[in-house]
Amino acid sequence: METIRGRAPYLRNVADVMYRNTRSWNHGFLCFLFGNDLGTKIGGIQIAKNGVEDFIVWKNSNSGQFSVKGAYWAAQVGRFNDTNRLWGWIWKSSIHPRLSMMLWRVCANVLPTANIFNSAACKCLFCDSSPENHFHLFVECPFALALWFSSPFPVRLNLATAGSIPELLCKLCEGVNGVLRGQMLGCFAIIFETIWNIRFRIVHQGEAAWSIDQARRAITNRFQELITANLKTVQSSITPPPLDKI
């Protein structure tokens, strides 16, 4: 198209090379712009005579309508890649919104870990042997490995192959039904939150003492509370209302 800008600087769309009243090609103009050979081929393309007027469609939306959310997803497609299904699992599952938010913060790498502020001296506060980042703190650290293995859904992360936390969660939850997947994601969110809360107390409150057994018990207790709360919600939704007295 750039080769014909000098000949037709005001050409913007296909309708500019057509007779608008008859909805037919302007063959002379086509040959002038593109040459006889290409102009004739373009002029041979069939045009819908009784079609509706053109309208704008947002191709990245199922409804065809533009939205700020749709534009955000389109702009960040390279960043999120195939994790769209993970976001659906996180936000559409039955887990508590607070846990969903924790999962999102960990997966999106928005928590203020040490590597964000100082990449030269950011040792992990638990193992003091590796730089602290999201993947090490919640997956690779021996403290995290122990909590994952002793959780209600025990996982040996040292045998798992994943390059990121979203990829890891997708692999762990793949092929699992919706109810069980929600429980698994809730359990993983509790693990993340437990690790982050202990780190917070060490950094900001000076509590240098921490216990794997205590953290393990806290995870188990919170998970049981989550399961109990979800069970009560399900039971209340299926309990029939009392019959009116006659």
C-alpha atoms as a PDB file:
ATOM      1  CA  MET A   1       0.000   0.000   0.000  1.00  0.00           C
ATOM      2  CA  GLU A   2       2.900   2.366   0.646  1.00  0.00           C
ATOM      3  CA  THR A   3       3.805   2.233  -3.052  1.00  0.00           C
ATOM      4  CA  ILE A   4       0.528   3.899  -4.053  1.00  0.00           C
ATOM      5  CA  ARG A   5       0.479   6.662  -1.439  1.00  0.00           C
ATOM      6  CA  GLY A   6       1.878   9.147  -3.927  1.00  0.00           C
ATOM      7  CA  ARG A   7      -0.874   8.398  -6.424  1.00  0.00           C
ATOM      8  CA  ALA A   8      -3.753   8.413  -3.963  1.00  0.00           C
ATOM      9  CA  PRO A   9      -2.740  10.117  -0.696  1.00  0.00           C
ATOM     10  CA  TYR A  10      -6.335  10.240   0.559  1.00  0.00           C
ATOM     11  CA  LEU A  11      -7.057   6.535   0.029  1.00  0.00           C
ATOM     12  CA  ARG A  12      -8.105   5.013   3.369  1.00  0.00           C
ATOM     13  CA  ASN A  13     -10.392   2.021   2.847  1.00  0.00           C
ATOM     14  CA  VAL A  14     -11.791  -0.396   0.273  1.00  0.00           C
ATOM     15  CA  ALA A  15     -14.872   1.748  -0.349  1.00  0.00           C
ATOM     16  CA  ASP A  16     -12.606   4.441  -1.830  1.00  0.00           C
ATOM     17  CA  VAL A  17     -11.913   2.208  -4.859  1.00  0.00           C
ATOM     18  CA  MET A  18     -15.611   1.404  -5.418  1.00  0.00           C
ATOM     19  CA  TYR A  19     -18.657   3.154  -6.831  1.00  0.00           C
ATOM     20  CA  ARG A  20     -20.622   3.626  -3.640  1.00  0.00           C
ATOM     21  CA  ASN A  21     -24.028   3.985  -5.320  1.00  0.00           C
ATOM     22  CA  THR A  22     -23.820   0.721  -7.251  1.00  0.00           C
ATOM     23  CA  ARG A  23     -21.467  -1.135  -4.878  1.00  0.00           C
ATOM     24  CA  SER A  24     -19.186  -2.135  -7.760  1.00  0.00           C
ATOM     25  CA  TRP A  25     -15.454  -1.828  -8.382  1.00  0.00           C
ATOM     26  CA  ASN A  26     -13.964   1.194 -10.094  1.00  0.00           C
ATOM     27  CA  HIS A  27     -11.877  -0.923 -12.493  1.00  0.00           C
ATOM     28  CA  GLY A  28     -10.154   2.042 -14.079  1.00  0.00           C
ATOM     29  CA  PHE A  29      -9.019   3.350 -10.708  1.00  0.00           C
ATOM     30  CA  LEU A  30      -7.848  -0.111  -9.639  1.00  0.00           C
ATOM     31  CA  CYS A  31      -5.706  -0.508 -12.747  1.00  0.00           C
ATOM     32  CA  PHE A  32      -4.325   2.994 -12.247  1.00  0.00           C
ATOM     33  CA  LEU A  33      -3.308   2.229  -8.683  1.00  0.00           C
ATOM     34  CA  PHE A  34      -2.109  -1.374  -8.870  1.00  0.00           C
ATOM     35  CA  GLY A  35      -1.384  -1.936 -12.554  1.00  0.00           C
ATOM     36  CA  ASN A  36      -3.451  -3.834 -15.104  1.00  0.00           C
ATOM     37  CA  ASP A  37      -2.653  -7.349 -13.883  1.00  0.00           C
ATOM     38  CA  LEU A  38      -3.220  -6.836 -10.137  1.00  0.00           C
ATOM     39  CA  GLY A  39      -6.002  -4.311 -10.712  1.00  0.00           C
ATOM     40  CA  THR A  40      -7.924  -6.817 -12.827  1.00  0.00           C
ATOM     41  CA  LYS A  41      -7.525  -9.538 -10.188  1.00  0.00           C
ATOM     42  CA  ILE A  42      -8.799  -7.231  -7.450  1.00  0.00           C
ATOM     43  CA  GLY A  43     -11.710  -6.197  -9.657  1.00  0.00           C
ATOM     44  CA  GLY A  44     -12.688  -9.838 -10.019  1.00  0.00           C
ATOM     45  CA  ILE A  45     -13.410 -10.185  -6.293  1.00  0.00           C
ATOM     46  CA  GLN A  46     -17.137 -10.603  -5.749  1.00  0.00           C
ATOM     47  CA  ILE A  47     -18.916  -7.886  -3.773  1.00  0.00           C
ATOM     48  CA  ALA A  48     -22.036  -8.496  -1.686  1.00  0.00           C
ATOM     49  CA  LYS A  49     -24.667  -6.300  -3.285  1.00  0.00           C
ATOM     50  CA  ASN A  50     -27.234  -6.486  -0.498  1.00  0.00           C
ATOM     51  CA  GLY A  51     -24.925  -6.506   2.480  1.00  0.00           C
ATOM     52  CA  VAL A  52     -25.411  -4.359   5.545  1.00  0.00           C
ATOM     53  CA  GLU A  53     -23.343  -1.280   6.212  1.00  0.00           C
ATOM     54  CA  ASP A  54     -19.844  -1.839   7.566  1.00  0.00           C
ATOM     55  CA  PHE A  55     -19.434  -1.706  11.328  1.00  0.00           C
ATOM     56  CA  ILE A  56     -16.504  -1.951  13.704  1.00  0.00           C
ATOM     57  CA  VAL A  57     -15.875  -5.270  15.471  1.00  0.00           C
ATOM     58  CA  TRP A  58     -13.416  -5.896  18.342  1.00  0.00           C
ATOM     59  CA  LYS A  59     -11.996  -9.248  17.227  1.00  0.00           C
ATOM     60  CA  ASN A  60     -10.469 -10.066  20.627  1.00  0.00           C
ATOM     61  CA  SER A  61     -13.917 -10.176  22.242  1.00  0.00           C
ATOM     62  CA  ASN A  62     -16.459 -12.980  21.880  1.00  0.00           C
ATOM     63  CA  SER A  63     -19.249 -10.407  21.680  1.00  0.00           C
ATOM     64  CA  GLY A  64     -17.403  -8.178  19.227  1.00  0.00           C
ATOM     65  CA  GLN A  65     -17.712  -5.218  21.599  1.00  0.00           C
ATOM     66  CA  PHE A  66     -14.726  -3.187  22.766  1.00  0.00           C
ATOM     67  CA  SER A  67     -13.978  -2.927  26.482  1.00  0.00           C
ATOM     68  CA  VAL A  68     -11.086  -1.670  28.583  1.00  0.00           C
ATOM     69  CA  LYS A  69     -10.687  -5.168  30.008  1.00  0.00           C
ATOM     70  CA  GLY A  70     -10.471  -6.661  26.523  1.00  0.00           C
ATOM     71  CA  ALA A  71      -7.871  -4.097  25.488  1.00  0.00           C
ATOM     72  CA  TYR A  72      -5.824  -4.882  28.613  1.00  0.00           C
ATOM     73  CA  TRP A  73      -5.840  -8.615  27.864  1.00  0.00           C
ATOM     74  CA  ALA A  74      -4.877  -7.976  24.242  1.00  0.00           C
ATOM     75  CA  ALA A  75      -1.996  -5.714  25.292  1.00  0.00           C
ATOM     76  CA  GLN A  76      -0.717  -8.198  27.912  1.00  0.00           C
ATOM     77  CA  VAL A  77      -1.125 -11.394  25.887  1.00  0.00           C
ATOM     78  CA  GLY A  78       2.637 -11.846  25.646  1.00  0.00           C
ATOM     79  CA  ARG A  79       2.973 -11.520  29.403  1.00  0.00           C
ATOM     80  CA  PHE A  80       0.109 -13.811  30.405  1.00  0.00           C
ATOM     81  CA  ASN A  81       0.563 -16.278  27.527  1.00  0.00           C
ATOM     82  CA  ASP A  82      -1.392 -19.458  28.374  1.00  0.00           C
ATOM     83  CA  THR A  83      -2.204 -18.510  31.973  1.00  0.00           C
ATOM     84  CA  ASN A  84      -5.653 -17.138  31.079  1.00  0.00           C
ATOM     85  CA  ARG A  85      -7.230 -20.381  32.285  1.00  0.00           C
ATOM     86  CA  LEU A  86      -5.381 -19.994  35.594  1.00  0.00           C
ATOM     87  CA  TRP A  87      -6.926 -16.565  36.152  1.00  0.00           C
ATOM     88  CA  GLY A  88     -10.324 -18.121  35.492  1.00  0.00           C
ATOM     89  CA  TRP A  89      -9.639 -20.835  38.064  1.00  0.00           C
ATOM     90  CA  ILE A  90      -8.508 -18.264  40.626  1.00  0.00           C
ATOM     91  CA  TRP A  91     -11.349 -15.770  40.284  1.00  0.00           C
ATOM     92  CA  LYS A  92     -14.218 -18.138  39.432  1.00  0.00           C
ATOM     93  CA  SER A  93     -13.539 -20.833  42.029  1.00  0.00           C
ATOM     94  CA  SER A  94     -15.249 -21.166  45.390  1.00  0.00           C
ATOM     95  CA  ILE A  95     -12.252 -20.023  47.432  1.00  0.00           C
ATOM     96  CA  HIS A  96     -12.348 -16.887  49.536  1.00  0.00           C
ATOM     97  CA  PRO A  97     -11.620 -13.631  47.622  1.00  0.00           C
ATOM     98  CA  ARG A  98      -8.743 -12.910  50.013  1.00  0.00           C
ATOM     99  CA  LEU A  99      -7.063 -16.164  48.987  1.00  0.00           C
ATOM    100  CA  SER A 100      -7.761 -15.437  45.330  1.00  0.00           C
ATOM    101  CA  MET A 101      -6.031 -12.103  45.755  1.00  0.00           C
ATOM    102  CA  MET A 102      -3.025 -13.804  47.357  1.00  0.00           C
ATOM    103  CA  LEU A 103      -2.762 -16.244  44.463  1.00  0.00           C
ATOM    104  CA  TRP A 104      -2.931 -13.394  41.973  1.00  0.00           C
ATOM    105  CA  ARG A 105      -0.259 -11.377  43.806  1.00  0.00           C
ATOM    106  CA  VAL A 106       2.131 -14.316  43.856  1.00  0.00           C
ATOM    107  CA  CYS A 107       1.494 -15.324  40.231  1.00  0.00           C
ATOM    108  CA  ALA A 108       1.779 -11.733  38.986  1.00  0.00           C
ATOM    109  CA  ASN A 109       5.061 -11.148  40.910  1.00  0.00           C
ATOM    110  CA  VAL A 110       3.762  -8.007  42.619  1.00  0.00           C
ATOM    111  CA  LEU A 111       4.797  -8.828  46.186  1.00  0.00           C
ATOM    112  CA  PRO A 112       7.750  -6.677  47.376  1.00  0.00           C
ATOM    113  CA  THR A 113      10.395  -9.386  47.639  1.00  0.00           C
ATOM    114  CA  ALA A 114      14.022  -8.444  48.245  1.00  0.00           C
ATOM    115  CA  ASN A 115      15.167  -8.810  44.639  1.00  0.00           C
ATOM    116  CA  ILE A 116      12.848  -5.989  43.569  1.00  0.00           C
ATOM    117  CA  PHE A 117      14.706  -3.461  45.720  1.00  0.00           C
ATOM    118  CA  ASN A 118      18.276  -4.784  45.797  1.00  0.00           C
ATOM    119  CA  SER A 119      19.389  -7.463  43.364  1.00  0.00           C
ATOM    120  CA  ALA A 120      22.961  -7.562  44.708  1.00  0.00           C
ATOM    121  CA  ALA A 121      22.244  -8.474  48.326  1.00  0.00           C
ATOM    122  CA  CYS A 122      18.873 -10.214  48.542  1.00  0.00           C
ATOM    123  CA  LYS A 123      19.477 -13.473  50.370  1.00  0.00           C
ATOM    124  CA  CYS A 124      16.478 -15.556  51.387  1.00  0.00           C
ATOM    125  CA  LEU A 125      15.571 -14.968  55.031  1.00  0.00           C
ATOM    126  CA  PHE A 126      14.784 -18.662  55.584  1.00  0.00           C
ATOM    127  CA  CYS A 127      17.704 -20.497  53.978  1.00  0.00           C
ATOM    128  CA  ASP A 128      20.227 -17.623  53.573  1.00  0.00           C
ATOM    129  CA  SER A 129      21.744 -19.440  50.605  1.00  0.00           C
ATOM    130  CA  SER A 130      19.941 -18.143  47.516  1.00  0.00           C
ATOM    131  CA  PRO A 131      18.716 -14.778  46.243  1.00  0.00           C
ATOM    132  CA  GLU A 132      15.152 -14.061  47.293  1.00  0.00           C
ATOM    133  CA  ASN A 133      12.573 -13.831  44.536  1.00  0.00           C
ATOM    134  CA  HIS A 134       8.998 -15.039  44.169  1.00  0.00           C
ATOM    135  CA  PHE A 135       9.885 -18.438  42.744  1.00  0.00           C
ATOM    136  CA  HIS A 136      12.559 -19.192  45.329  1.00  0.00           C
ATOM    137  CA  LEU A 137      10.566 -17.912  48.309  1.00  0.00           C
ATOM    138  CA  PHE A 138       7.380 -19.851  47.544  1.00  0.00           C
ATOM    139  CA  VAL A 139       8.722 -22.879  45.641  1.00  0.00           C
ATOM    140  CA  GLU A 140      12.468 -23.557  45.852  1.00  0.00           C
ATOM    141  CA  CYS A 141      13.327 -22.633  49.449  1.00  0.00           C
ATOM    142  CA  PRO A 142      13.678 -25.669  51.786  1.00  0.00           C
ATOM    143  CA  PHE A 143      11.180 -24.023  54.125  1.00  0.00           C
ATOM    144  CA  ALA A 144       8.610 -23.828  51.308  1.00  0.00           C
ATOM    145  CA  LEU A 145       9.396 -27.374  50.153  1.00  0.00           C
ATOM    146  CA  ALA A 146       8.660 -28.705  53.650  1.00  0.00           C
ATOM    147  CA  LEU A 147       5.328 -26.889  53.846  1.00  0.00           C
ATOM    148  CA  TRP A 148       4.231 -28.047  50.399  1.00  0.00           C
ATOM    149  CA  PHE A 149       5.103 -31.681  51.160  1.00  0.00           C
ATOM    150  CA  SER A 150       3.246 -31.668  54.501  1.00  0.00           C
ATOM    151  CA  SER A 151       0.188 -29.741  53.272  1.00  0.00           C
ATOM    152  CA  PRO A 152      -3.324 -31.253  52.885  1.00  0.00           C
ATOM    153  CA  PHE A 153      -2.403 -31.721  49.205  1.00  0.00           C
ATOM    154  CA  PRO A 154       1.202 -32.965  49.556  1.00  0.00           C
ATOM    155  CA  VAL A 155       3.445 -32.149  46.622  1.00  0.00           C
ATOM    156  CA  ARG A 156       7.143 -32.907  46.140  1.00  0.00           C
ATOM    157  CA  LEU A 157       8.119 -29.708  44.394  1.00  0.00           C
ATOM    158  CA  ASN A 158      11.739 -30.777  44.071  1.00  0.00           C
ATOM    159  CA  LEU A 159      10.510 -33.274  41.446  1.00  0.00           C
ATOM    160  CA  ALA A 160       8.268 -30.788  39.641  1.00  0.00           C
ATOM    161  CA  THR A 161       9.480 -29.069  36.485  1.00  0.00           C
ATOM    162  CA  ALA A 162       8.125 -25.558  36.078  1.00  0.00           C
ATOM    163  CA  GLY A 163       9.721 -22.281  35.170  1.00  0.00           C
ATOM    164  CA  SER A 164       7.210 -20.079  36.975  1.00  0.00           C
ATOM    165  CA  ILE A 165       4.575 -20.245  39.673  1.00  0.00           C
ATOM    166  CA  PRO A 166       1.634 -19.871  37.208  1.00  0.00           C
ATOM    167  CA  GLU A 167       3.032 -22.765  35.167  1.00  0.00           C
ATOM    168  CA  LEU A 168       3.387 -24.843  38.341  1.00  0.00           C
ATOM    169  CA  LEU A 169      -0.199 -24.200  39.444  1.00  0.00           C
ATOM    170  CA  CYS A 170      -1.521 -25.015  35.966  1.00  0.00           C
ATOM    171  CA  LYS A 171       0.295 -28.361  36.005  1.00  0.00           C
ATOM    172  CA  LEU A 172      -0.894 -29.244  39.509  1.00  0.00           C
ATOM    173  CA  CYS A 173      -4.540 -28.360  38.793  1.00  0.00           C
ATOM    174  CA  GLU A 174      -4.738 -29.715  35.259  1.00  0.00           C
ATOM    175  CA  GLY A 175      -7.511 -32.273  34.762  1.00  0.00           C
ATOM    176  CA  VAL A 176      -9.017 -31.737  38.232  1.00  0.00           C
ATOM    177  CA  ASN A 177     -12.760 -31.099  38.628  1.00  0.00           C
ATOM    178  CA  GLY A 178     -13.955 -27.666  39.700  1.00  0.00           C
ATOM    179  CA  VAL A 179     -14.667 -28.390  43.382  1.00  0.00           C
ATOM    180  CA  LEU A 180     -11.398 -30.185  44.034  1.00  0.00           C
ATOM    181  CA  ARG A 181      -9.484 -27.580  42.038  1.00  0.00           C
ATOM    182  CA  GLY A 182     -10.931 -24.835  44.222  1.00  0.00           C
ATOM    183  CA  GLN A 183      -9.808 -26.708  47.344  1.00  0.00           C
ATOM    184  CA  MET A 184      -6.323 -27.193  45.917  1.00  0.00           C
ATOM    185  CA  LEU A 185      -5.964 -23.528  44.974  1.00  0.00           C
ATOM    186  CA  GLY A 186      -7.250 -22.521  48.399  1.00  0.00           C
ATOM    187  CA  CYS A 187      -4.647 -24.756  50.035  1.00  0.00           C
ATOM    188  CA  PHE A 188      -1.856 -23.339  47.878  1.00  0.00           C
ATOM    189  CA  ALA A 189      -2.973 -19.786  48.662  1.00  0.00           C
ATOM    190  CA  ILE A 190      -2.842 -20.570  52.384  1.00  0.00           C
ATOM    191  CA  ILE A 191       0.723 -21.870  51.945  1.00  0.00           C
ATOM    192  CA  PHE A 192       1.712 -18.668  50.135  1.00  0.00           C
ATOM    193  CA  GLU A 193       0.063 -16.464  52.744  1.00  0.00           C
ATOM    194  CA  THR A 194       1.651 -18.376  55.635  1.00  0.00           C
ATOM    195  CA  ILE A 195       5.140 -18.015  54.150  1.00  0.00           C
ATOM    196  CA  TRP A 196       4.591 -14.334  53.407  1.00  0.00           C
ATOM    197  CA  ASN A 197       3.222 -13.563  56.878  1.00  0.00           C
ATOM    198  CA  ILE A 198       6.201 -15.235  58.576  1.00  0.00           C
ATOM    199  CA  ARG A 199       8.579 -13.303  56.327  1.00  0.00           C
ATOM    200  CA  PHE A 200       6.720 -10.093  57.185  1.00  0.00           C
ATOM    201  CA  ARG A 201       7.163 -10.702  60.923  1.00  0.00           C
ATOM    202  CA  ILE A 202      10.869 -11.404  60.476  1.00  0.00           C
ATOM    203  CA  VAL A 203      11.491  -8.253  58.429  1.00  0.00           C
ATOM    204  CA  HIS A 204       9.189  -5.723  60.074  1.00  0.00           C
ATOM    205  CA  GLN A 205       8.636  -7.015  63.601  1.00  0.00           C
ATOM    206  CA  GLY A 206      12.050  -8.503  64.343  1.00  0.00           C
ATOM    207  CA  GLU A 207      10.736 -12.016  65.062  1.00  0.00           C
ATOM    208  CA  ALA A 208      13.740 -14.099  64.093  1.00  0.00           C
ATOM    209  CA  ALA A 209      12.290 -17.347  65.500  1.00  0.00           C
ATOM    210  CA  TRP A 210      10.043 -19.394  63.242  1.00  0.00           C
ATOM    211  CA  SER A 211       8.977 -23.020  63.252  1.00  0.00           C
ATOM    212  CA  ILE A 212       8.117 -25.362  60.393  1.00  0.00           C
ATOM    213  CA  ASP A 213       5.825 -27.389  62.673  1.00  0.00           C
ATOM    214  CA  GLN A 214       3.944 -24.287  63.773  1.00  0.00           C
ATOM    215  CA  ALA A 215       3.546 -23.135  60.166  1.00  0.00           C
ATOM    216  CA  ARG A 216       2.385 -26.624  59.152  1.00  0.00           C
ATOM    217  CA  ARG A 217      -0.283 -26.662  61.887  1.00  0.00           C
ATOM    218  CA  ALA A 218      -1.451 -23.186  60.898  1.00  0.00           C
ATOM    219  CA  ILE A 219      -1.861 -24.275  57.264  1.00  0.00           C
ATOM    220  CA  THR A 220      -3.796 -27.412  58.253  1.00  0.00           C
ATOM    221  CA  ASN A 221      -6.121 -25.513  60.610  1.00  0.00           C
ATOM    222  CA  ARG A 222      -6.866 -22.774  58.088  1.00  0.00           C
ATOM    223  CA  PHE A 223      -7.542 -25.317  55.367  1.00  0.00           C
ATOM    224  CA  GLN A 224     -10.017 -27.161  57.602  1.00  0.00           C
ATOM    225  CA  GLU A 225     -11.759 -23.853  58.293  1.00  0.00           C
ATOM    226  CA  LEU A 226     -11.939 -23.236  54.542  1.00  0.00           C
ATOM    227  CA  ILE A 227     -13.453 -26.653  53.845  1.00  0.00           C
ATOM    228  CA  THR A 228     -15.962 -26.273  56.699  1.00  0.00           C
ATOM    229  CA  ALA A 229     -17.052 -22.829  55.505  1.00  0.00           C
ATOM    230  CA  ASN A 230     -17.508 -24.053  51.925  1.00  0.00           C
ATOM    231  CA  LEU A 231     -19.490 -27.078  53.131  1.00  0.00           C
ATOM    232  CA  LYS A 232     -21.844 -24.882  55.131  1.00  0.00           C
ATOM    233  CA  THR A 233     -22.338 -22.641  52.105  1.00  0.00           C
ATOM    234  CA  VAL A 234     -23.226 -25.602  49.892  1.00  0.00           C
ATOM    235  CA  GLN A 235     -25.618 -27.063  52.477  1.00  0.00           C
ATOM    236  CA  SER A 236     -27.410 -23.759  52.964  1.00  0.00           C
ATOM    237  CA  SER A 237     -27.833 -23.392  49.196  1.00  0.00           C
ATOM    238  CA  ILE A 238     -29.462 -26.817  48.768  1.00  0.00           C
ATOM    239  CA  THR A 239     -31.630 -26.807  51.939  1.00  0.00           C
ATOM    240  CA  PRO A 240     -35.266 -26.294  50.876  1.00  0.00           C
ATOM    241  CA  PRO A 241     -37.082 -23.366  52.465  1.00  0.00           C
ATOM    242  CA  PRO A 242     -39.642 -24.229  55.181  1.00  0.00           C
ATOM    243  CA  LEU A 243     -43.198 -24.770  53.993  1.00  0.00           C
ATOM    244  CA  ASP A 244     -45.689 -22.120  54.874  1.00  0.00           C
ATOM    245  CA  LYS A 245     -48.160 -23.128  57.535  1.00  0.00           C
ATOM    246  CA  ILE A 246     -51.688 -23.691  56.268  1.00  0.00           C
END
